[in-house]
């Protein structure tokens, strides 16, 4: 495998990364473990209530598409932007 020169130099010296490789990725490289052996870290956002309501609406109105469901959510005052505002102010 060929590496760019800066990355190759940093690997030799063990210094900081020129390309900001994460600590987990660097640890995997040094130990030789593959990515598939590492557990996946789930990232759940603050919009869990929004997702739950969207699933409820989709189950009740099976034939509606995402655009129509979005309109229904907007009428209820639930939007992703509203949840983003809450997470910033909280």
C-alpha atoms as a PDB file:
ATOM      1  CA  UNK A   1       0.000   0.000   0.000  1.00  0.00           C
ATOM      2  CA  UNK A   2       1.388   3.399  -0.906  1.00  0.00           C
ATOM      3  CA  UNK A   3       1.031   6.359   1.414  1.00  0.00           C
ATOM      4  CA  UNK A   4       1.588  10.059   0.836  1.00  0.00           C
ATOM      5  CA  UNK A   5       4.991  11.230   1.967  1.00  0.00           C
ATOM      6  CA  UNK A   6       3.829  13.176   5.054  1.00  0.00           C
ATOM      7  CA  UNK A   7       1.788  10.273   6.345  1.00  0.00           C
ATOM      8  CA  UNK A   8       4.659   7.859   5.741  1.00  0.00           C
ATOM      9  CA  UNK A   9       7.067  10.124   7.665  1.00  0.00           C
ATOM     10  CA  UNK A  10       4.640  10.460  10.570  1.00  0.00           C
ATOM     11  CA  UNK A  11       4.205   6.696  10.761  1.00  0.00           C
ATOM     12  CA  UNK A  12       7.988   6.256  11.001  1.00  0.00           C
ATOM     13  CA  UNK A  13       8.425   8.856  13.734  1.00  0.00           C
ATOM     14  CA  UNK A  14       5.194   8.045  15.552  1.00  0.00           C
ATOM     15  CA  UNK A  15       4.317  11.729  15.612  1.00  0.00           C
ATOM     16  CA  UNK A  16       1.005  13.435  15.091  1.00  0.00           C
ATOM     17  CA  UNK A  17      -0.909  12.820  11.959  1.00  0.00           C
ATOM     18  CA  UNK A  18      -0.784  15.229   9.067  1.00  0.00           C
ATOM     19  CA  UNK A  19      -4.253  14.054   8.030  1.00  0.00           C
ATOM     20  CA  UNK A  20      -5.944  13.953  11.460  1.00  0.00           C
ATOM     21  CA  UNK A  21      -6.487  10.210  11.699  1.00  0.00           C
ATOM     22  CA  UNK A  22      -8.638   9.341  14.683  1.00  0.00           C
ATOM     23  CA  UNK A  23      -7.178   7.568  17.691  1.00  0.00           C
ATOM     24  CA  UNK A  24      -9.318   4.488  17.069  1.00  0.00           C
ATOM     25  CA  UNK A  25      -8.140   4.247  13.485  1.00  0.00           C
ATOM     26  CA  UNK A  26      -4.502   4.667  14.507  1.00  0.00           C
ATOM     27  CA  UNK A  27      -4.919   2.014  17.200  1.00  0.00           C
ATOM     28  CA  UNK A  28      -6.411  -0.377  14.657  1.00  0.00           C
ATOM     29  CA  UNK A  29      -3.498   0.248  12.311  1.00  0.00           C
ATOM     30  CA  UNK A  30      -0.875  -0.403  14.979  1.00  0.00           C
ATOM     31  CA  UNK A  31      -2.550  -3.517  16.402  1.00  0.00           C
ATOM     32  CA  UNK A  32      -3.460  -4.923  13.008  1.00  0.00           C
ATOM     33  CA  UNK A  33      -7.139  -5.483  13.818  1.00  0.00           C
ATOM     34  CA  UNK A  34      -9.679  -4.904  11.074  1.00  0.00           C
ATOM     35  CA  UNK A  35     -12.524  -2.418  11.162  1.00  0.00           C
ATOM     36  CA  UNK A  36     -15.086  -5.199  11.248  1.00  0.00           C
ATOM     37  CA  UNK A  37     -13.793  -6.424  14.617  1.00  0.00           C
ATOM     38  CA  UNK A  38     -14.545  -3.102  16.319  1.00  0.00           C
ATOM     39  CA  UNK A  39     -17.997  -2.431  17.769  1.00  0.00           C
ATOM     40  CA  UNK A  40     -20.153   0.157  16.051  1.00  0.00           C
ATOM     41  CA  UNK A  41     -20.947   3.185  18.192  1.00  0.00           C
ATOM     42  CA  UNK A  42     -24.541   4.256  17.699  1.00  0.00           C
ATOM     43  CA  UNK A  43     -25.203   7.953  17.360  1.00  0.00           C
ATOM     44  CA  UNK A  44     -28.721   8.868  18.346  1.00  0.00           C
ATOM     45  CA  UNK A  45     -29.643  12.489  18.004  1.00  0.00           C
ATOM     46  CA  UNK A  46     -32.029  14.610  20.040  1.00  0.00           C
ATOM     47  CA  UNK A  47     -34.851  14.113  17.516  1.00  0.00           C
ATOM     48  CA  UNK A  48     -36.055  10.764  18.884  1.00  0.00           C
ATOM     49  CA  UNK A  49     -39.559  12.146  19.479  1.00  0.00           C
ATOM     50  CA  UNK A  50     -39.636  13.399  15.896  1.00  0.00           C
ATOM     51  CA  UNK A  51     -38.674   9.977  14.567  1.00  0.00           C
ATOM     52  CA  UNK A  52     -41.238   8.218  16.727  1.00  0.00           C
ATOM     53  CA  UNK A  53     -44.012  10.562  15.551  1.00  0.00           C
ATOM     54  CA  UNK A  54     -42.929  10.108  11.931  1.00  0.00           C
ATOM     55  CA  UNK A  55     -43.148   6.321  12.340  1.00  0.00           C
ATOM     56  CA  UNK A  56     -46.608   6.643  13.887  1.00  0.00           C
ATOM     57  CA  UNK A  57     -47.830   8.797  11.004  1.00  0.00           C
ATOM     58  CA  UNK A  58     -46.287   6.476   8.417  1.00  0.00           C
ATOM     59  CA  UNK A  59     -47.965   3.454  10.020  1.00  0.00           C
ATOM     60  CA  UNK A  60     -51.338   5.193  10.113  1.00  0.00           C
ATOM     61  CA  UNK A  61     -51.070   6.609   6.586  1.00  0.00           C
ATOM     62  CA  UNK A  62     -49.247   3.911   4.672  1.00  0.00           C
ATOM     63  CA  UNK A  63     -49.802   5.402   1.228  1.00  0.00           C
ATOM     64  CA  UNK A  64     -48.351   8.810   2.113  1.00  0.00           C
ATOM     65  CA  UNK A  65     -44.853   9.605   0.942  1.00  0.00           C
ATOM     66  CA  UNK A  66     -42.134  11.479   2.780  1.00  0.00           C
ATOM     67  CA  UNK A  67     -43.236  14.837   1.399  1.00  0.00           C
ATOM     68  CA  UNK A  68     -46.794  14.507   2.641  1.00  0.00           C
ATOM     69  CA  UNK A  69     -45.613  13.152   6.003  1.00  0.00           C
ATOM     70  CA  UNK A  70     -43.285  16.139   6.315  1.00  0.00           C
ATOM     71  CA  UNK A  71     -46.225  18.478   5.734  1.00  0.00           C
ATOM     72  CA  UNK A  72     -48.202  16.715   8.471  1.00  0.00           C
ATOM     73  CA  UNK A  73     -45.278  16.992  10.874  1.00  0.00           C
ATOM     74  CA  UNK A  74     -44.860  20.660  10.042  1.00  0.00           C
ATOM     75  CA  UNK A  75     -48.546  21.279  10.784  1.00  0.00           C
ATOM     76  CA  UNK A  76     -48.010  19.744  14.220  1.00  0.00           C
ATOM     77  CA  UNK A  77     -45.006  21.993  14.778  1.00  0.00           C
ATOM     78  CA  UNK A  78     -42.491  19.145  14.626  1.00  0.00           C
ATOM     79  CA  UNK A  79     -39.549  19.796  12.345  1.00  0.00           C
ATOM     80  CA  UNK A  80     -35.904  18.838  12.477  1.00  0.00           C
ATOM     81  CA  UNK A  81     -35.034  22.527  12.662  1.00  0.00           C
ATOM     82  CA  UNK A  82     -37.130  22.932  15.815  1.00  0.00           C
ATOM     83  CA  UNK A  83     -35.263  20.040  17.413  1.00  0.00           C
ATOM     84  CA  UNK A  84     -31.919  21.533  16.363  1.00  0.00           C
ATOM     85  CA  UNK A  85     -32.889  24.793  18.074  1.00  0.00           C
ATOM     86  CA  UNK A  86     -33.761  22.906  21.260  1.00  0.00           C
ATOM     87  CA  UNK A  87     -30.456  21.053  21.329  1.00  0.00           C
ATOM     88  CA  UNK A  88     -28.473  24.274  20.877  1.00  0.00           C
ATOM     89  CA  UNK A  89     -30.308  26.157  23.623  1.00  0.00           C
ATOM     90  CA  UNK A  90     -30.406  23.225  26.069  1.00  0.00           C
END
